[in-house]
Amino acid sequence: MAEQGSQNQSGQPAVVVIHPSAHVAASARIGSGTRVWHWAHVREDVNIGEECIVGKGCYIDVGVTIGDRVKIQNNVSVFHGVTIEDGVFVGPHVCFTNDKVPRAINSDGSLKLATDWQVTPTIVQYGASLGAGAVVVCGVTIGRFAMVAAGAVVTRDVPAYGLVVGNPARLLDYVCSCGQRLYIEGKQSHDQQVQCSACGLQLTLAATSQ
């Protein structure tokens, strides 16, 4: 294991652990306490925060930004244009896209180059969770503490605390930051105050058009 000494936010000693089979570009920035596991590939100019886990076989593309305390499980693909904020959970085999109109070639049959297409950005906000095998089609924002069900295909924005399921993903309910369902089905026509029956937390759910 390759270990690099540093300190975490509390000032305590921490190390960056990079498995020998992982490939991390020299220009990638890895925060203290982060672990990069077997066969992961972290590309140029990636910025990964503190105390993250990058699981086996993950691909983190050029210029991706990942916050602190993010868990990225095995075989996740995070492509250029994606931003993942602090505290996000990304389940195994999740795939992010970054091109709305993917083609290998141009109309004249020539191979597409980097200058022949436009990246469409995606953002996953603080504390959100993406279940195993979910696909995130580019150009969306997944809100704070939202939850995307396993196998869902996200094609539009997910509201804060929203629980989305299916293909294409639809809003089923809302969840607390502790992860429990709130059983408030359907869209919210106005802001609403709710309390989680599991942990007692008071939440404000914003109006949504979904």
Protein backbone atom coordinates (compact mmCIF):
# COMPACT_ATOMS: atom_id res chain seq x y z
CA MET A 1 0.00 0.00 0.00
CA ALA A 2 1.15 3.52 -0.78
CA GLU A 3 0.54 5.79 2.20
CA GLN A 4 0.98 9.55 2.34
CA GLY A 5 0.99 11.25 5.73
CA SER A 6 -1.30 14.24 6.44
CA GLN A 7 -3.76 15.53 9.03
CA ASN A 8 -7.56 15.40 9.06
CA GLN A 9 -9.92 18.27 9.97
CA SER A 10 -9.43 17.68 13.71
CA GLY A 11 -5.67 17.94 13.31
CA GLN A 12 -5.10 14.25 14.00
CA PRO A 13 -2.64 12.29 11.84
CA ALA A 14 -4.24 10.70 8.78
CA VAL A 15 -2.95 8.91 5.73
CA VAL A 16 -3.95 8.62 2.11
CA VAL A 17 -4.01 4.94 1.20
CA ILE A 18 -3.60 4.00 -2.46
CA HIS A 19 -3.61 0.31 -3.31
CA PRO A 20 -0.64 -0.75 -5.49
CA SER A 21 -2.96 -1.86 -8.29
CA ALA A 22 -4.70 1.53 -8.46
CA HIS A 23 -3.59 4.16 -10.97
CA VAL A 24 -3.71 7.74 -9.70
CA ALA A 25 -2.50 10.55 -11.96
CA ALA A 26 0.24 12.74 -10.58
CA SER A 27 -1.95 15.85 -10.92
CA ALA A 28 -4.88 14.34 -8.97
CA ARG A 29 -5.41 15.80 -5.49
CA ILE A 30 -6.39 13.31 -2.79
CA GLY A 31 -7.48 14.53 0.65
CA SER A 32 -6.24 13.19 3.98
CA GLY A 33 -7.72 9.94 5.19
CA THR A 34 -8.98 8.94 1.73
CA ARG A 35 -8.55 5.35 0.53
CA VAL A 36 -8.32 4.34 -3.12
CA TRP A 37 -8.73 0.60 -3.57
CA HIS A 38 -7.85 -2.17 -6.02
CA TRP A 39 -7.73 -1.35 -9.76
CA ALA A 40 -9.28 2.10 -9.37
CA HIS A 41 -8.30 4.68 -11.99
CA VAL A 42 -8.16 8.34 -10.94
CA ARG A 43 -7.45 10.64 -13.89
CA GLU A 44 -5.69 13.97 -14.27
CA ASP A 45 -6.81 17.03 -12.28
CA VAL A 46 -9.33 15.08 -10.20
CA ASN A 47 -9.98 16.62 -6.78
CA ILE A 48 -11.05 14.15 -4.07
CA GLY A 49 -11.68 15.44 -0.54
CA GLU A 50 -10.88 14.04 2.88
CA GLU A 51 -11.95 10.69 4.35
CA CYS A 52 -13.39 9.31 1.12
CA ILE A 53 -13.54 5.72 -0.06
CA VAL A 54 -13.00 4.95 -3.74
CA GLY A 55 -13.88 1.29 -4.20
CA LYS A 56 -12.42 -1.46 -6.34
CA GLY A 57 -12.52 -0.89 -10.10
CA CYS A 58 -13.83 2.69 -10.00
CA TYR A 59 -13.11 5.11 -12.83
CA ILE A 60 -12.87 8.80 -11.92
CA ASP A 61 -12.52 10.86 -15.09
CA VAL A 62 -10.50 14.00 -15.82
CA GLY A 63 -11.36 17.04 -13.71
CA VAL A 64 -14.06 15.42 -11.58
CA THR A 65 -14.60 17.03 -8.16
CA ILE A 66 -15.55 14.88 -5.15
CA GLY A 67 -16.15 16.34 -1.69
CA ASP A 68 -15.29 15.07 1.79
CA ARG A 69 -16.52 11.79 3.33
CA VAL A 70 -17.89 10.43 0.07
CA LYS A 71 -18.29 6.66 -0.34
CA ILE A 72 -17.95 5.40 -3.90
CA GLN A 73 -18.55 1.67 -4.05
CA ASN A 74 -17.05 -0.86 -6.47
CA ASN A 75 -17.08 -0.40 -10.25
CA VAL A 76 -18.59 3.10 -10.35
CA SER A 77 -17.94 5.29 -13.42
CA VAL A 78 -17.79 9.04 -12.75
CA PHE A 79 -17.16 10.88 -16.01
CA HIS A 80 -15.85 14.37 -16.77
CA GLY A 81 -18.32 17.11 -15.83
CA VAL A 82 -19.63 15.48 -12.63
CA THR A 83 -19.42 17.18 -9.24
CA ILE A 84 -20.16 15.17 -6.09
CA GLU A 85 -20.54 17.18 -2.89
CA ASP A 86 -19.71 16.14 0.69
CA GLY A 87 -21.24 13.08 2.32
CA VAL A 88 -22.63 11.43 -0.82
CA PHE A 89 -23.08 7.64 -1.10
CA VAL A 90 -22.62 6.16 -4.58
CA GLY A 91 -23.60 2.48 -4.73
CA PRO A 92 -21.84 -0.23 -6.73
CA HIS A 93 -22.00 -0.09 -10.53
CA VAL A 94 -23.54 3.41 -10.66
CA CYS A 95 -22.80 5.13 -13.97
CA PHE A 96 -22.78 8.86 -14.69
CA THR A 97 -22.99 10.04 -18.31
CA ASN A 98 -21.74 13.35 -19.70
CA ASP A 99 -22.94 13.59 -23.32
CA LYS A 100 -26.57 14.16 -24.34
CA VAL A 101 -25.97 13.06 -27.95
CA PRO A 102 -23.20 10.44 -27.87
CA ARG A 103 -21.60 9.42 -31.15
CA ALA A 104 -18.26 7.78 -31.96
CA ILE A 105 -18.02 9.54 -35.34
CA ASN A 106 -18.97 12.81 -36.99
CA SER A 107 -21.43 13.02 -39.90
CA ASP A 108 -18.53 12.67 -42.37
CA GLY A 109 -17.44 9.42 -40.73
CA SER A 110 -14.37 10.87 -39.03
CA LEU A 111 -13.64 9.93 -35.43
CA LYS A 112 -15.01 12.43 -32.94
CA LEU A 113 -12.32 14.34 -31.04
CA ALA A 114 -12.56 16.11 -27.69
CA THR A 115 -13.39 19.34 -29.54
CA ASP A 116 -16.33 17.75 -31.39
CA TRP A 117 -18.69 17.39 -28.44
CA GLN A 118 -19.83 19.33 -25.39
CA VAL A 119 -19.78 18.12 -21.80
CA THR A 120 -23.13 18.37 -20.00
CA PRO A 121 -22.47 18.80 -16.25
CA THR A 122 -24.17 16.95 -13.40
CA ILE A 123 -24.16 17.72 -9.68
CA VAL A 124 -24.95 15.48 -6.72
CA GLN A 125 -25.60 17.59 -3.65
CA TYR A 126 -24.71 17.12 0.01
CA GLY A 127 -25.69 13.84 1.65
CA ALA A 128 -27.52 12.29 -1.33
CA SER A 129 -27.50 8.51 -1.93
CA LEU A 130 -27.47 6.63 -5.23
CA GLY A 131 -28.45 2.97 -5.11
CA ALA A 132 -26.65 0.10 -6.83
CA GLY A 133 -26.77 0.10 -10.61
CA ALA A 134 -28.40 3.52 -10.98
CA VAL A 135 -27.72 5.48 -14.16
CA VAL A 136 -27.54 9.27 -14.00
CA VAL A 137 -28.16 10.89 -17.38
CA CYS A 138 -26.16 14.11 -17.57
CA GLY A 139 -27.53 17.58 -17.01
CA VAL A 140 -29.37 16.92 -13.74
CA THR A 141 -29.04 18.03 -10.14
CA ILE A 142 -29.69 15.48 -7.41
CA GLY A 143 -30.72 17.43 -4.31
CA ARG A 144 -29.50 17.34 -0.73
CA PHE A 145 -30.18 14.03 1.04
CA ALA A 146 -32.14 12.75 -1.97
CA MET A 147 -32.26 8.99 -2.48
CA VAL A 148 -32.10 7.27 -5.87
CA ALA A 149 -33.34 3.68 -5.81
CA ALA A 150 -31.25 0.79 -7.08
CA GLY A 151 -31.46 0.47 -10.86
CA ALA A 152 -33.18 3.81 -11.38
CA VAL A 153 -32.42 5.88 -14.48
CA VAL A 154 -32.33 9.56 -13.52
CA THR A 155 -33.28 11.83 -16.42
CA ARG A 156 -34.36 14.99 -14.59
CA ASP A 157 -33.64 16.87 -11.37
CA VAL A 158 -34.35 15.17 -8.04
CA PRO A 159 -35.58 17.48 -5.25
CA ALA A 160 -33.91 17.65 -1.86
CA TYR A 161 -34.97 14.64 0.25
CA GLY A 162 -36.76 13.16 -2.78
CA LEU A 163 -36.96 9.38 -3.24
CA VAL A 164 -37.00 8.43 -6.93
CA VAL A 165 -37.48 4.96 -8.45
CA GLY A 166 -37.81 3.33 -11.86
CA ASN A 167 -36.90 3.99 -15.49
CA PRO A 168 -37.23 6.86 -16.05
CA ALA A 169 -36.94 7.72 -12.37
CA ARG A 170 -40.10 9.22 -10.84
CA LEU A 171 -40.69 10.85 -7.49
CA LEU A 172 -42.23 8.25 -5.15
CA ASP A 173 -41.83 9.84 -1.72
CA TYR A 174 -39.43 11.79 0.49
CA VAL A 175 -36.81 10.60 2.95
CA CYS A 176 -35.25 12.07 6.07
CA SER A 177 -31.53 12.75 6.26
CA CYS A 178 -31.40 9.62 8.45
CA GLY A 179 -32.65 7.65 5.43
CA GLN A 180 -36.15 6.73 6.60
CA ARG A 181 -39.18 7.31 4.36
CA LEU A 182 -41.49 10.17 5.29
CA TYR A 183 -44.56 8.76 3.47
CA ILE A 184 -45.50 12.03 1.80
CA GLU A 185 -46.31 10.80 -1.68
CA GLY A 186 -46.50 12.94 -4.80
CA LYS A 187 -45.32 16.42 -5.67
CA GLN A 188 -45.44 19.32 -3.23
CA SER A 189 -47.36 22.36 -4.50
CA HIS A 190 -45.98 24.47 -1.64
CA ASP A 191 -43.27 24.29 1.02
CA GLN A 192 -44.20 21.90 3.81
CA GLN A 193 -42.89 21.29 7.34
CA VAL A 194 -42.62 17.61 8.29
CA GLN A 195 -41.16 15.58 11.15
CA CYS A 196 -39.40 12.24 10.77
CA SER A 197 -41.10 9.54 12.86
CA ALA A 198 -37.81 7.64 13.18
CA CYS A 199 -35.40 10.32 14.43
CA GLY A 200 -37.69 13.29 15.17
CA LEU A 201 -35.88 15.68 12.83
CA GLN A 202 -37.94 18.63 11.55
CA LEU A 203 -37.59 19.16 7.79
CA THR A 204 -38.82 21.68 5.26
CA LEU A 205 -39.76 20.12 1.92
CA ALA A 206 -39.67 22.63 -0.92
CA ALA A 207 -42.40 22.82 -3.55
CA THR A 208 -41.62 20.78 -6.65
CA SER A 209 -43.03 20.43 -10.16
CA GLN A 210 -42.23 16.70 -10.41
